[in-house]
N, C-alpha and C. Protein backbone atom coordinates (compact mmCIF):
# COMPACT_ATOMS: atom_id res chain seq x y z
N MET A 1 -31.56 -10.95 -4.85
CA MET A 1 -30.21 -11.37 -5.20
C MET A 1 -29.55 -10.27 -6.03
N LEU A 2 -28.29 -10.00 -5.73
CA LEU A 2 -27.55 -8.96 -6.42
C LEU A 2 -27.09 -9.44 -7.80
N PRO A 3 -27.02 -8.53 -8.78
CA PRO A 3 -26.41 -8.90 -10.05
C PRO A 3 -24.94 -9.28 -9.83
N VAL A 4 -24.40 -10.07 -10.74
CA VAL A 4 -23.04 -10.58 -10.58
C VAL A 4 -22.02 -9.45 -10.48
N SER A 5 -22.13 -8.44 -11.34
CA SER A 5 -21.14 -7.35 -11.31
C SER A 5 -21.20 -6.59 -9.99
N ARG A 6 -22.40 -6.42 -9.46
CA ARG A 6 -22.54 -5.70 -8.19
C ARG A 6 -22.00 -6.54 -7.03
N ALA A 7 -22.23 -7.86 -7.07
CA ALA A 7 -21.71 -8.74 -6.03
C ALA A 7 -20.19 -8.74 -6.03
N ILE A 8 -19.59 -8.75 -7.23
CA ILE A 8 -18.13 -8.72 -7.32
C ILE A 8 -17.59 -7.40 -6.79
N ALA A 9 -18.26 -6.29 -7.12
CA ALA A 9 -17.83 -4.98 -6.62
C ALA A 9 -17.92 -4.92 -5.10
N CYS A 10 -19.00 -5.47 -4.53
CA CYS A 10 -19.16 -5.47 -3.06
C CYS A 10 -18.08 -6.31 -2.41
N ARG A 11 -17.79 -7.49 -3.01
CA ARG A 11 -16.77 -8.37 -2.45
C ARG A 11 -15.41 -7.68 -2.50
N SER A 12 -15.12 -7.02 -3.63
CA SER A 12 -13.85 -6.32 -3.77
C SER A 12 -13.74 -5.17 -2.76
N LEU A 13 -14.84 -4.44 -2.55
CA LEU A 13 -14.83 -3.34 -1.59
C LEU A 13 -14.62 -3.85 -0.18
N LEU A 14 -15.31 -4.94 0.20
CA LEU A 14 -15.14 -5.50 1.54
C LEU A 14 -13.71 -5.96 1.75
N ARG A 15 -13.13 -6.62 0.73
CA ARG A 15 -11.76 -7.09 0.85
C ARG A 15 -10.81 -5.92 1.01
N SER A 16 -11.04 -4.84 0.27
CA SER A 16 -10.13 -3.70 0.35
C SER A 16 -10.25 -3.00 1.70
N VAL A 17 -11.46 -2.92 2.25
CA VAL A 17 -11.63 -2.27 3.56
C VAL A 17 -10.96 -3.10 4.64
N ALA A 18 -11.13 -4.43 4.60
CA ALA A 18 -10.52 -5.29 5.61
C ALA A 18 -9.00 -5.25 5.52
N SER A 19 -8.47 -5.33 4.29
CA SER A 19 -7.02 -5.32 4.15
C SER A 19 -6.45 -3.94 4.45
N SER A 20 -7.22 -2.89 4.19
CA SER A 20 -6.76 -1.53 4.47
C SER A 20 -6.57 -1.32 5.96
N ALA A 21 -7.50 -1.82 6.77
CA ALA A 21 -7.38 -1.67 8.22
C ALA A 21 -6.16 -2.42 8.74
N ALA A 22 -5.92 -3.62 8.22
CA ALA A 22 -4.76 -4.39 8.65
C ALA A 22 -3.47 -3.71 8.21
N ARG A 23 -3.47 -3.15 7.01
CA ARG A 23 -2.29 -2.49 6.47
C ARG A 23 -1.97 -1.22 7.26
N GLN A 24 -3.02 -0.45 7.63
CA GLN A 24 -2.78 0.77 8.39
C GLN A 24 -2.22 0.45 9.76
N ALA A 25 -2.71 -0.63 10.38
CA ALA A 25 -2.18 -1.01 11.68
C ALA A 25 -0.71 -1.40 11.55
N ARG A 26 -0.33 -1.97 10.42
CA ARG A 26 1.04 -2.39 10.20
C ARG A 26 1.94 -1.21 9.86
N GLN A 27 1.42 -0.24 9.10
CA GLN A 27 2.25 0.87 8.64
C GLN A 27 2.38 1.99 9.66
N ARG A 28 1.31 2.30 10.37
CA ARG A 28 1.33 3.39 11.34
C ARG A 28 2.13 2.93 12.55
N HIS A 29 3.01 3.75 13.02
CA HIS A 29 3.92 3.33 14.08
C HIS A 29 4.10 4.48 15.06
N THR A 30 4.19 4.19 16.33
CA THR A 30 4.47 5.22 17.31
C THR A 30 5.76 4.88 18.05
N THR A 31 6.49 5.89 18.41
CA THR A 31 7.78 5.72 19.07
C THR A 31 7.61 5.82 20.58
N PRO A 32 8.27 4.94 21.34
CA PRO A 32 8.24 5.10 22.80
C PRO A 32 8.88 6.43 23.20
N MET A 33 8.41 7.01 24.29
CA MET A 33 8.85 8.35 24.71
C MET A 33 10.32 8.41 25.12
N ASN A 34 10.90 7.29 25.58
CA ASN A 34 12.26 7.35 26.11
C ASN A 34 13.32 6.81 25.14
N THR A 35 13.00 6.69 23.87
CA THR A 35 13.93 6.12 22.91
C THR A 35 14.73 7.21 22.21
N ILE A 36 16.05 7.08 22.27
CA ILE A 36 16.93 8.03 21.59
C ILE A 36 17.61 7.35 20.40
N ILE A 37 18.11 6.15 20.61
CA ILE A 37 18.79 5.41 19.55
C ILE A 37 17.81 4.39 18.97
N MET A 38 17.62 4.46 17.66
CA MET A 38 16.71 3.54 16.97
C MET A 38 17.51 2.71 15.98
N PHE A 39 17.21 1.42 15.93
CA PHE A 39 17.84 0.54 14.95
C PHE A 39 16.81 0.20 13.89
N VAL A 40 17.04 0.63 12.67
CA VAL A 40 16.13 0.36 11.55
C VAL A 40 16.61 -0.92 10.87
N PRO A 41 15.75 -1.94 10.75
CA PRO A 41 16.16 -3.19 10.10
C PRO A 41 16.42 -3.01 8.61
N GLN A 42 17.15 -3.97 8.06
CA GLN A 42 17.41 -3.98 6.62
C GLN A 42 16.09 -4.10 5.86
N GLN A 43 15.98 -3.52 4.69
CA GLN A 43 14.80 -3.54 3.82
C GLN A 43 13.61 -2.80 4.42
N GLU A 44 13.86 -1.83 5.27
CA GLU A 44 12.79 -0.98 5.80
C GLU A 44 13.25 0.47 5.77
N ALA A 45 12.27 1.36 5.67
CA ALA A 45 12.53 2.80 5.79
C ALA A 45 11.48 3.36 6.74
N TRP A 46 11.92 4.15 7.70
CA TRP A 46 11.01 4.72 8.68
C TRP A 46 10.86 6.21 8.41
N VAL A 47 9.61 6.66 8.38
CA VAL A 47 9.31 8.07 8.14
C VAL A 47 9.16 8.75 9.50
N VAL A 48 9.95 9.80 9.72
CA VAL A 48 9.97 10.51 11.01
C VAL A 48 9.28 11.85 10.85
N GLU A 49 8.43 12.16 11.83
CA GLU A 49 7.80 13.48 11.91
C GLU A 49 8.36 14.19 13.13
N ARG A 50 8.68 15.46 12.96
CA ARG A 50 9.12 16.28 14.09
C ARG A 50 8.02 17.28 14.39
N MET A 51 7.44 17.13 15.58
CA MET A 51 6.34 17.97 16.05
C MET A 51 5.17 17.95 15.06
N GLY A 52 4.87 16.76 14.53
CA GLY A 52 3.71 16.59 13.65
C GLY A 52 3.94 16.87 12.19
N LYS A 53 5.15 17.26 11.80
CA LYS A 53 5.45 17.59 10.41
C LYS A 53 6.59 16.70 9.92
N PHE A 54 6.54 16.31 8.64
CA PHE A 54 7.58 15.44 8.09
C PHE A 54 8.96 16.03 8.34
N SER A 55 9.87 15.17 8.83
CA SER A 55 11.23 15.61 9.11
C SER A 55 12.24 14.92 8.20
N ARG A 56 12.26 13.58 8.25
CA ARG A 56 13.24 12.84 7.45
C ARG A 56 12.86 11.36 7.37
N ILE A 57 13.63 10.64 6.57
CA ILE A 57 13.45 9.20 6.41
C ILE A 57 14.68 8.52 6.99
N LEU A 58 14.45 7.58 7.90
CA LEU A 58 15.56 6.84 8.51
C LEU A 58 15.91 5.64 7.63
N GLU A 59 17.18 5.53 7.30
CA GLU A 59 17.69 4.41 6.51
C GLU A 59 18.08 3.27 7.45
N PRO A 60 18.29 2.04 6.92
CA PRO A 60 18.70 0.92 7.77
C PRO A 60 19.99 1.21 8.54
N GLY A 61 20.02 0.76 9.79
CA GLY A 61 21.17 0.97 10.65
C GLY A 61 20.79 1.76 11.90
N LEU A 62 21.80 2.28 12.59
CA LEU A 62 21.56 3.07 13.80
C LEU A 62 21.21 4.51 13.46
N ASN A 63 20.20 5.03 14.14
CA ASN A 63 19.75 6.41 13.92
C ASN A 63 19.45 7.04 15.27
N LEU A 64 19.57 8.36 15.35
CA LEU A 64 19.28 9.09 16.57
C LEU A 64 17.99 9.89 16.42
N LEU A 65 17.18 9.88 17.48
CA LEU A 65 15.94 10.66 17.52
C LEU A 65 15.92 11.50 18.79
N LEU A 66 15.29 12.65 18.72
CA LEU A 66 15.03 13.43 19.93
C LEU A 66 13.72 12.91 20.51
N PRO A 67 13.73 12.41 21.74
CA PRO A 67 12.58 11.66 22.27
C PRO A 67 11.25 12.40 22.30
N ILE A 68 11.22 13.67 22.60
CA ILE A 68 9.93 14.34 22.77
C ILE A 68 9.41 14.91 21.46
N VAL A 69 10.28 15.38 20.60
CA VAL A 69 9.82 16.05 19.38
C VAL A 69 9.76 15.14 18.16
N ASP A 70 10.56 14.08 18.11
CA ASP A 70 10.58 13.18 16.94
C ASP A 70 9.71 11.96 17.19
N ARG A 71 8.98 11.56 16.15
CA ARG A 71 8.15 10.36 16.20
C ARG A 71 8.28 9.61 14.89
N VAL A 72 8.39 8.28 14.98
CA VAL A 72 8.33 7.44 13.78
C VAL A 72 6.85 7.23 13.50
N ARG A 73 6.38 7.73 12.35
CA ARG A 73 4.95 7.65 12.03
C ARG A 73 4.62 6.53 11.06
N TYR A 74 5.50 6.23 10.12
CA TYR A 74 5.24 5.18 9.15
C TYR A 74 6.47 4.29 9.02
N VAL A 75 6.22 3.01 8.89
CA VAL A 75 7.27 2.04 8.61
C VAL A 75 6.96 1.44 7.25
N GLN A 76 7.82 1.69 6.28
CA GLN A 76 7.61 1.18 4.93
C GLN A 76 8.58 0.05 4.65
N SER A 77 8.04 -1.07 4.20
CA SER A 77 8.88 -2.19 3.78
C SER A 77 9.37 -1.94 2.37
N LEU A 78 10.66 -2.12 2.14
CA LEU A 78 11.24 -1.91 0.82
C LEU A 78 11.35 -3.22 0.04
N LYS A 79 10.75 -4.28 0.56
CA LYS A 79 10.76 -5.57 -0.13
C LYS A 79 9.72 -5.58 -1.24
N GLU A 80 9.93 -6.46 -2.21
CA GLU A 80 8.97 -6.61 -3.30
C GLU A 80 7.75 -7.35 -2.77
N LEU A 81 6.57 -6.88 -3.14
CA LEU A 81 5.31 -7.42 -2.65
C LEU A 81 4.47 -7.88 -3.83
N ALA A 82 3.88 -9.07 -3.73
CA ALA A 82 3.02 -9.59 -4.79
C ALA A 82 1.56 -9.42 -4.37
N ILE A 83 0.76 -8.81 -5.26
CA ILE A 83 -0.66 -8.60 -5.00
C ILE A 83 -1.45 -9.27 -6.10
N ASP A 84 -2.44 -10.06 -5.72
CA ASP A 84 -3.30 -10.73 -6.68
C ASP A 84 -4.36 -9.77 -7.19
N VAL A 85 -4.50 -9.68 -8.51
CA VAL A 85 -5.55 -8.85 -9.12
C VAL A 85 -6.75 -9.75 -9.34
N PRO A 86 -7.94 -9.37 -8.84
CA PRO A 86 -9.13 -10.22 -8.98
C PRO A 86 -9.46 -10.49 -10.45
N GLN A 87 -10.02 -11.67 -10.69
CA GLN A 87 -10.37 -12.08 -12.05
C GLN A 87 -11.50 -11.21 -12.60
N GLN A 88 -11.38 -10.87 -13.88
CA GLN A 88 -12.40 -10.09 -14.57
C GLN A 88 -12.73 -10.77 -15.88
N SER A 89 -13.94 -10.57 -16.34
CA SER A 89 -14.28 -11.05 -17.68
C SER A 89 -14.42 -9.84 -18.59
N ALA A 90 -14.00 -10.02 -19.83
CA ALA A 90 -14.06 -8.94 -20.81
C ALA A 90 -14.47 -9.52 -22.15
N ILE A 91 -15.12 -8.71 -22.95
CA ILE A 91 -15.56 -9.12 -24.28
C ILE A 91 -14.73 -8.33 -25.29
N THR A 92 -14.08 -9.04 -26.20
CA THR A 92 -13.25 -8.39 -27.21
C THR A 92 -14.12 -7.86 -28.34
N LEU A 93 -13.50 -7.18 -29.30
CA LEU A 93 -14.23 -6.60 -30.43
C LEU A 93 -14.90 -7.66 -31.30
N ASP A 94 -14.33 -8.88 -31.34
CA ASP A 94 -14.94 -9.95 -32.13
C ASP A 94 -15.83 -10.87 -31.29
N ASN A 95 -16.38 -10.34 -30.19
CA ASN A 95 -17.34 -11.02 -29.30
C ASN A 95 -16.81 -12.32 -28.69
N VAL A 96 -15.57 -12.33 -28.30
CA VAL A 96 -14.99 -13.46 -27.58
C VAL A 96 -14.86 -13.04 -26.12
N THR A 97 -15.34 -13.90 -25.22
CA THR A 97 -15.27 -13.61 -23.80
C THR A 97 -13.93 -14.10 -23.24
N LEU A 98 -13.25 -13.21 -22.55
CA LEU A 98 -11.97 -13.54 -21.93
C LEU A 98 -12.10 -13.41 -20.42
N ASN A 99 -11.47 -14.33 -19.70
CA ASN A 99 -11.34 -14.20 -18.25
C ASN A 99 -9.90 -13.82 -17.97
N ILE A 100 -9.72 -12.67 -17.35
CA ILE A 100 -8.39 -12.11 -17.13
C ILE A 100 -8.13 -12.02 -15.63
N ASP A 101 -6.98 -12.53 -15.22
CA ASP A 101 -6.52 -12.31 -13.85
C ASP A 101 -5.02 -12.05 -13.92
N GLY A 102 -4.47 -11.59 -12.83
CA GLY A 102 -3.06 -11.26 -12.87
C GLY A 102 -2.48 -11.08 -11.49
N VAL A 103 -1.20 -10.81 -11.49
CA VAL A 103 -0.45 -10.56 -10.26
C VAL A 103 0.38 -9.30 -10.46
N LEU A 104 0.35 -8.43 -9.48
CA LEU A 104 1.18 -7.22 -9.51
C LEU A 104 2.35 -7.40 -8.56
N TYR A 105 3.50 -6.97 -8.98
CA TYR A 105 4.67 -6.96 -8.11
C TYR A 105 5.00 -5.51 -7.80
N LEU A 106 4.95 -5.17 -6.52
CA LEU A 106 5.18 -3.79 -6.08
C LEU A 106 6.45 -3.69 -5.26
N LYS A 107 7.09 -2.55 -5.37
CA LYS A 107 8.24 -2.25 -4.53
C LYS A 107 8.22 -0.77 -4.22
N VAL A 108 8.31 -0.42 -2.95
CA VAL A 108 8.32 0.99 -2.54
C VAL A 108 9.69 1.57 -2.88
N VAL A 109 9.68 2.61 -3.70
CA VAL A 109 10.92 3.28 -4.09
C VAL A 109 11.06 4.59 -3.31
N ASP A 110 9.94 5.27 -3.08
CA ASP A 110 9.94 6.55 -2.37
C ASP A 110 9.06 6.42 -1.12
N PRO A 111 9.65 6.20 0.06
CA PRO A 111 8.86 6.03 1.28
C PRO A 111 8.00 7.25 1.62
N TYR A 112 8.46 8.45 1.27
CA TYR A 112 7.67 9.66 1.55
C TYR A 112 6.35 9.62 0.79
N ARG A 113 6.41 9.36 -0.50
CA ARG A 113 5.19 9.33 -1.31
C ARG A 113 4.31 8.14 -0.96
N ALA A 114 4.91 7.01 -0.55
CA ALA A 114 4.12 5.86 -0.13
C ALA A 114 3.37 6.15 1.16
N SER A 115 3.92 7.01 2.01
CA SER A 115 3.28 7.33 3.29
C SER A 115 2.25 8.44 3.16
N TYR A 116 2.57 9.48 2.40
CA TYR A 116 1.72 10.66 2.36
C TYR A 116 0.98 10.85 1.04
N GLY A 117 1.33 10.12 -0.01
CA GLY A 117 0.74 10.36 -1.33
C GLY A 117 -0.70 9.90 -1.45
N VAL A 118 -0.97 8.65 -1.13
CA VAL A 118 -2.29 8.05 -1.27
C VAL A 118 -2.62 7.37 0.05
N GLU A 119 -3.90 7.35 0.40
CA GLU A 119 -4.31 6.71 1.66
C GLU A 119 -3.94 5.23 1.67
N ASP A 120 -4.21 4.53 0.57
CA ASP A 120 -3.96 3.09 0.48
C ASP A 120 -3.31 2.80 -0.88
N PRO A 121 -1.97 2.83 -0.96
CA PRO A 121 -1.31 2.66 -2.25
C PRO A 121 -1.57 1.32 -2.91
N GLU A 122 -1.64 0.23 -2.14
CA GLU A 122 -1.86 -1.09 -2.72
C GLU A 122 -3.22 -1.17 -3.40
N PHE A 123 -4.25 -0.63 -2.76
CA PHE A 123 -5.59 -0.63 -3.34
C PHE A 123 -5.62 0.23 -4.60
N ALA A 124 -4.97 1.40 -4.57
CA ALA A 124 -4.95 2.29 -5.73
C ALA A 124 -4.27 1.63 -6.92
N ILE A 125 -3.18 0.92 -6.69
CA ILE A 125 -2.48 0.25 -7.79
C ILE A 125 -3.30 -0.90 -8.34
N THR A 126 -3.99 -1.64 -7.45
CA THR A 126 -4.86 -2.73 -7.91
C THR A 126 -5.98 -2.19 -8.77
N GLN A 127 -6.60 -1.09 -8.36
CA GLN A 127 -7.67 -0.49 -9.15
C GLN A 127 -7.15 0.01 -10.50
N LEU A 128 -5.96 0.58 -10.51
CA LEU A 128 -5.35 1.04 -11.76
C LEU A 128 -5.10 -0.13 -12.71
N ALA A 129 -4.64 -1.25 -12.17
CA ALA A 129 -4.39 -2.43 -13.01
C ALA A 129 -5.70 -2.97 -13.59
N GLN A 130 -6.76 -3.01 -12.78
CA GLN A 130 -8.05 -3.49 -13.28
C GLN A 130 -8.59 -2.56 -14.37
N THR A 131 -8.49 -1.26 -14.17
CA THR A 131 -8.97 -0.30 -15.16
C THR A 131 -8.17 -0.41 -16.45
N THR A 132 -6.87 -0.58 -16.34
CA THR A 132 -6.02 -0.70 -17.52
C THR A 132 -6.35 -1.95 -18.32
N THR A 133 -6.61 -3.07 -17.64
CA THR A 133 -6.97 -4.29 -18.38
C THR A 133 -8.33 -4.15 -19.05
N GLU A 134 -9.26 -3.43 -18.42
CA GLU A 134 -10.57 -3.20 -19.04
C GLU A 134 -10.42 -2.36 -20.31
N ILE A 135 -9.61 -1.31 -20.22
CA ILE A 135 -9.41 -0.44 -21.38
C ILE A 135 -8.64 -1.18 -22.48
N GLY A 136 -7.66 -1.98 -22.09
CA GLY A 136 -6.83 -2.69 -23.06
C GLY A 136 -7.58 -3.75 -23.85
N THR A 137 -8.59 -4.36 -23.23
CA THR A 137 -9.34 -5.41 -23.93
C THR A 137 -10.52 -4.85 -24.70
N GLY A 138 -10.86 -3.62 -24.49
CA GLY A 138 -11.96 -2.99 -25.24
C GLY A 138 -13.21 -3.18 -24.50
C-alpha cells in the first residue's frame, strides 16, 4: 500500500495527464485547406501560423486567411475559467493541522503566451497555487 502523500501525488498526476490530453485536443486546431474567410466567435482568439511559424492572432469577427500557407493552430477561450485546487493538509507553527482547498479563476489575457509559453498552463497555475499555499502556511 502506498503512503498517503504518494497516493495523492499519483492521483494528481493521473488527473493532470488525463485533463492535459483532453485540453490539447480542444486547443490544437487545424484549418481546412479550402477556407479563406474565417469567422472567429466572440470570447475566442485564434493563433495563426504561417508556414509553421507564428503569424498573428485573429480577433472575433470575420478574418481572411491564405489557404495553403496559413493555419489556425490554437484556439484560446477568453472566458473566465474556474479550476479546483486539490485539498492539502498543512501544519502551522503552533502544531495545528489545517485542511486547505481552493478555487482558481483564470482568464487568458495573452493568447500567444498561453499557446507557446507553457505546455499546460492550467496545470502549471494549479501547481503554483499549491506550492504557494504550502509556503504560506509554513
